[in-house]
Amino acid sequence: MYKLLLYTLVFSTIAFSPVQVLSNQATPAQKSSIQQIFSWANISRILFSKKPPVEPRKGGSRPIDPICMVSPDAPAKPRIVWSDRPLFLWKGRVQTIAVRLRDSKQDLWNQSVTETQNITYQGEPLQPGQTYEWVVNSSRFVPFKIMDTKERDRITAELQTLENQLQAQGVGIEAIALAKAKYFADSNLWSDALQQAYSVPNPSDGLKEMIKNIGNLCDVPKSDGHNSATR
């Protein structure tokens, strides 16, 4: 709750964002301060610098299999995800993706994705506390878990309060997404932070640059595992 109050205080006291979707009533000094706190560039830097087990992906793509499943990734334990309709990000030539309950062979949802390298899950809402598998080309998979109900409800309520208060200040769509991404990043919920970045319909140059660089996560060598498993 302290984190939520801090975000609200910053945005309500100084209606400014580095993505320039708030009002321009802040002084130059205030703008500089807020830019240091809230920026897609800062989130991107944290994204690339986090150490296991909280970095947003794990392992580099292997020469024999150039598909890199960026998010959710595969640390030692299934990644916890807040959203019940998560965003899937990858790099490489993928024909199909699917979601199924862990250790099940029955798809809950599947999709042809030859024309994109990211997609938001479009099936029935996934259930809190359940562990699922994101399956690529029927052979590679990443397990992930939807956050338990109690914790998920708490975060949902805080995010709604944050959004309502920022909207009351006249905050734009991208600034709200940035605030939510920062909230998720501070909680090490990187799949959800990235989903906020990809949710903005008309991204600023700063956000476009961050999204452009996401694929570079596949080139960051890690020594403690791969970013997916194979059947």
Protein backbone atom coordinates (compact mmCIF):
# COMPACT_ATOMS: atom_id res chain seq x y z
CA MET A 1 0.00 0.00 0.00
CA TYR A 2 2.93 2.35 0.71
CA LYS A 3 4.11 1.83 -2.86
CA LEU A 4 0.67 2.72 -4.21
CA LEU A 5 0.50 5.88 -2.11
CA LEU A 6 3.97 6.90 -3.31
CA TYR A 7 3.01 6.50 -6.99
CA THR A 8 -0.20 8.44 -6.49
CA LEU A 9 1.56 11.21 -4.56
CA VAL A 10 4.19 11.66 -7.25
CA PHE A 11 1.70 11.80 -10.10
CA SER A 12 -0.89 13.91 -8.29
CA THR A 13 1.60 16.44 -6.92
CA ILE A 14 3.42 16.87 -10.22
CA ALA A 15 1.25 16.10 -13.25
CA PHE A 16 4.17 15.16 -15.48
CA SER A 17 5.53 12.07 -17.20
CA PRO A 18 8.66 11.55 -19.31
CA VAL A 19 6.45 10.12 -22.04
CA GLN A 20 4.72 13.53 -22.19
CA VAL A 21 1.17 12.39 -21.76
CA LEU A 22 0.44 14.40 -18.62
CA SER A 23 0.04 18.15 -18.29
CA ASN A 24 3.14 20.37 -18.55
CA GLN A 25 2.71 22.35 -15.32
CA ALA A 26 5.83 21.01 -13.61
CA THR A 27 9.01 23.04 -13.33
CA PRO A 28 12.14 21.91 -15.26
CA ALA A 29 13.70 20.66 -12.01
CA GLN A 30 10.57 18.68 -11.15
CA LYS A 31 10.42 17.23 -14.65
CA SER A 32 14.04 16.10 -14.42
CA SER A 33 13.37 14.41 -11.07
CA ILE A 34 10.30 12.57 -12.30
CA GLN A 35 12.06 11.50 -15.48
CA GLN A 36 14.64 9.75 -13.36
CA ILE A 37 11.93 7.93 -11.41
CA PHE A 38 9.42 7.09 -14.12
CA SER A 39 10.69 6.22 -17.57
CA TRP A 40 10.52 3.28 -19.93
CA ALA A 41 14.30 3.56 -20.25
CA ASN A 42 14.71 2.94 -16.52
CA ILE A 43 12.41 -0.06 -16.64
CA SER A 44 14.37 -1.37 -19.62
CA ARG A 45 17.66 -0.99 -17.76
CA ILE A 46 16.32 -2.91 -14.77
CA LEU A 47 14.96 -5.54 -17.14
CA PHE A 48 18.43 -6.23 -18.50
CA SER A 49 20.27 -6.02 -15.17
CA LYS A 50 18.20 -8.24 -12.86
CA LYS A 51 19.91 -11.35 -11.51
CA PRO A 52 18.25 -14.76 -11.02
CA PRO A 53 15.66 -15.54 -9.84
CA VAL A 54 13.93 -12.25 -10.70
CA GLU A 55 15.27 -11.50 -14.17
CA PRO A 56 12.56 -11.58 -16.86
CA ARG A 57 14.10 -14.41 -18.85
CA LYS A 58 16.74 -17.05 -18.43
CA GLY A 59 19.28 -18.47 -20.83
CA GLY A 60 20.22 -17.65 -24.40
CA SER A 61 18.71 -19.12 -27.54
CA ARG A 62 20.50 -22.28 -28.64
CA PRO A 63 21.99 -22.58 -32.15
CA ILE A 64 20.09 -25.83 -32.80
CA ASP A 65 16.81 -24.19 -31.83
CA PRO A 66 16.74 -20.41 -32.41
CA ILE A 67 13.34 -19.91 -30.77
CA CYS A 68 13.63 -17.79 -27.64
CA MET A 69 10.61 -17.70 -25.33
CA VAL A 70 11.05 -14.30 -23.73
CA SER A 71 8.07 -13.99 -21.38
CA PRO A 72 6.90 -15.80 -19.37
CA ASP A 73 10.31 -17.43 -19.08
CA ALA A 74 11.46 -20.56 -17.25
CA PRO A 75 13.39 -20.05 -14.01
CA ALA A 76 13.84 -22.94 -11.56
CA LYS A 77 10.22 -22.53 -10.41
CA PRO A 78 7.29 -21.51 -12.63
CA ARG A 79 7.07 -17.75 -13.08
CA ILE A 80 4.21 -16.14 -11.14
CA VAL A 81 1.90 -14.04 -13.30
CA TRP A 82 -0.83 -11.66 -12.12
CA SER A 83 -2.80 -11.38 -15.37
CA ASP A 84 -5.32 -14.11 -16.16
CA ARG A 85 -4.86 -13.21 -19.84
CA PRO A 86 -1.07 -12.99 -20.05
CA LEU A 87 1.05 -11.66 -22.88
CA PHE A 88 3.38 -14.11 -24.61
CA LEU A 89 6.62 -12.79 -26.13
CA TRP A 90 9.14 -14.71 -28.19
CA LYS A 91 11.86 -14.34 -30.78
CA GLY A 92 12.24 -16.70 -33.71
CA ARG A 93 10.09 -18.55 -36.22
CA VAL A 94 7.02 -19.83 -34.43
CA GLN A 95 4.05 -21.35 -36.19
CA THR A 96 1.69 -22.09 -33.31
CA ILE A 97 1.37 -21.47 -29.61
CA ALA A 98 -0.97 -23.07 -27.10
CA VAL A 99 -1.86 -22.92 -23.41
CA ARG A 100 -2.73 -25.99 -21.39
CA LEU A 101 -2.82 -27.08 -17.78
CA ARG A 102 0.54 -28.39 -16.65
CA ASP A 103 1.03 -32.05 -17.51
CA SER A 104 -2.14 -32.05 -19.62
CA LYS A 105 -2.22 -32.83 -23.33
CA GLN A 106 -5.47 -30.92 -23.91
CA ASP A 107 -5.11 -27.36 -25.21
CA LEU A 108 -7.20 -24.71 -23.48
CA TRP A 109 -6.34 -22.30 -26.30
CA ASN A 110 -4.16 -22.38 -29.38
CA GLN A 111 -3.32 -19.89 -32.11
CA SER A 112 -1.41 -19.60 -35.37
CA VAL A 113 1.19 -16.84 -34.93
CA THR A 114 3.28 -16.82 -38.09
CA GLU A 115 2.86 -13.07 -38.57
CA THR A 116 3.80 -11.85 -35.09
CA GLN A 117 6.19 -12.40 -32.18
CA ASN A 118 3.81 -11.46 -29.37
CA ILE A 119 0.19 -12.14 -28.56
CA THR A 120 -2.16 -11.76 -25.61
CA TYR A 121 -3.93 -14.91 -24.47
CA GLN A 122 -7.47 -14.88 -25.83
CA GLY A 123 -9.10 -17.93 -24.25
CA GLU A 124 -11.22 -18.22 -21.12
CA PRO A 125 -9.62 -16.44 -18.14
CA LEU A 126 -6.94 -18.55 -16.50
CA GLN A 127 -7.57 -19.55 -12.91
CA PRO A 128 -5.73 -18.21 -9.84
CA GLY A 129 -3.41 -20.73 -8.22
CA GLN A 130 -3.24 -22.94 -11.32
CA THR A 131 -0.02 -23.82 -13.13
CA TYR A 132 -0.14 -23.81 -16.91
CA GLU A 133 2.18 -24.44 -19.82
CA TRP A 134 2.80 -22.11 -22.74
CA VAL A 135 3.58 -24.43 -25.64
CA VAL A 136 5.39 -23.39 -28.83
CA ASN A 137 5.29 -25.46 -32.01
CA SER A 138 3.98 -28.42 -29.98
CA SER A 139 7.50 -29.13 -28.73
CA ARG A 140 8.87 -26.37 -26.48
CA PHE A 141 7.10 -25.25 -23.34
CA VAL A 142 7.33 -22.88 -20.39
CA PRO A 143 5.37 -23.45 -17.17
CA PHE A 144 3.85 -20.43 -15.42
CA LYS A 145 1.48 -19.99 -12.50
CA ILE A 146 -1.38 -17.55 -12.10
CA MET A 147 -1.05 -15.78 -8.76
CA ASP A 148 -3.14 -17.10 -5.87
CA THR A 149 -6.51 -15.43 -5.35
CA LYS A 150 -5.76 -13.46 -2.18
CA GLU A 151 -2.59 -11.84 -3.49
CA ARG A 152 -4.08 -11.31 -6.92
CA ASP A 153 -7.15 -9.57 -5.50
CA ARG A 154 -4.96 -7.28 -3.40
CA ILE A 155 -2.91 -6.21 -6.40
CA THR A 156 -6.03 -5.81 -8.55
CA ALA A 157 -7.55 -3.46 -5.98
CA GLU A 158 -4.36 -1.41 -5.66
CA LEU A 159 -3.99 -1.11 -9.42
CA GLN A 160 -7.58 0.02 -9.79
CA THR A 161 -7.13 2.64 -7.08
CA LEU A 162 -3.93 3.83 -8.74
CA GLU A 163 -5.61 4.09 -12.14
CA ASN A 164 -8.66 5.91 -10.75
CA GLN A 165 -6.51 8.47 -8.96
CA LEU A 166 -4.30 9.07 -11.99
CA GLN A 167 -7.31 9.43 -14.27
CA ALA A 168 -8.68 12.06 -11.88
CA GLN A 169 -5.46 13.99 -12.48
CA GLY A 170 -5.99 13.90 -16.24
CA VAL A 171 -3.28 11.33 -16.83
CA GLY A 172 -3.05 9.74 -20.28
CA ILE A 173 -3.12 6.06 -21.25
CA GLU A 174 0.64 5.65 -21.61
CA ALA A 175 1.46 7.30 -18.30
CA ILE A 176 -0.99 4.97 -16.54
CA ALA A 177 0.60 1.98 -18.28
CA LEU A 178 4.03 3.25 -17.21
CA ALA A 179 2.93 3.59 -13.58
CA LYS A 180 1.48 0.07 -13.62
CA ALA A 181 4.62 -1.30 -15.29
CA LYS A 182 6.72 0.31 -12.54
CA TYR A 183 4.41 -1.23 -9.92
CA PHE A 184 4.84 -4.69 -11.44
CA ALA A 185 8.58 -4.24 -11.92
CA ASP A 186 9.01 -3.32 -8.26
CA SER A 187 7.16 -6.54 -7.41
CA ASN A 188 9.34 -8.60 -9.78
CA LEU A 189 6.27 -9.41 -11.87
CA TRP A 190 8.10 -8.95 -15.14
CA SER A 191 5.60 -10.68 -17.40
CA ASP A 192 2.95 -8.24 -16.20
CA ALA A 193 5.30 -5.25 -16.50
CA LEU A 194 6.00 -6.15 -20.12
CA GLN A 195 2.30 -6.60 -20.79
CA GLN A 196 1.71 -3.00 -19.77
CA ALA A 197 4.38 -1.85 -22.21
CA TYR A 198 2.69 -3.69 -25.07
CA SER A 199 -0.79 -2.47 -24.12
CA VAL A 200 -0.34 1.15 -25.28
CA PRO A 201 -2.09 1.72 -28.64
CA ASN A 202 0.03 4.70 -29.76
CA PRO A 203 3.38 4.36 -27.98
CA SER A 204 5.82 7.22 -27.55
CA ASP A 205 9.31 7.10 -29.04
CA GLY A 206 10.70 6.04 -25.67
CA LEU A 207 8.30 3.13 -25.40
CA LYS A 208 8.91 2.11 -29.02
CA GLU A 209 12.63 1.99 -28.29
CA MET A 210 12.07 -0.22 -25.23
CA ILE A 211 9.87 -2.63 -27.19
CA LYS A 212 12.41 -2.71 -30.01
CA ASN A 213 15.10 -3.79 -27.56
CA ILE A 214 13.08 -6.53 -25.84
CA GLY A 215 14.31 -9.13 -28.32
CA ASN A 216 17.87 -8.41 -27.20
CA LEU A 217 17.08 -10.23 -23.97
CA CYS A 218 17.60 -13.40 -26.00
CA ASP A 219 21.23 -12.38 -26.52
CA VAL A 220 21.98 -11.90 -22.81
CA PRO A 221 23.98 -15.00 -21.77
CA LYS A 222 22.99 -16.72 -18.55
CA SER A 223 24.84 -19.64 -17.04
CA ASP A 224 22.12 -21.27 -14.97
CA GLY A 225 19.56 -22.58 -17.42
CA HIS A 226 17.59 -22.24 -20.62
CA ASN A 227 14.53 -20.15 -21.34
CA SER A 228 12.30 -23.12 -22.14
CA ALA A 229 12.11 -26.88 -22.01
CA THR A 230 11.57 -29.39 -24.77
CA ARG A 231 9.33 -32.40 -24.92
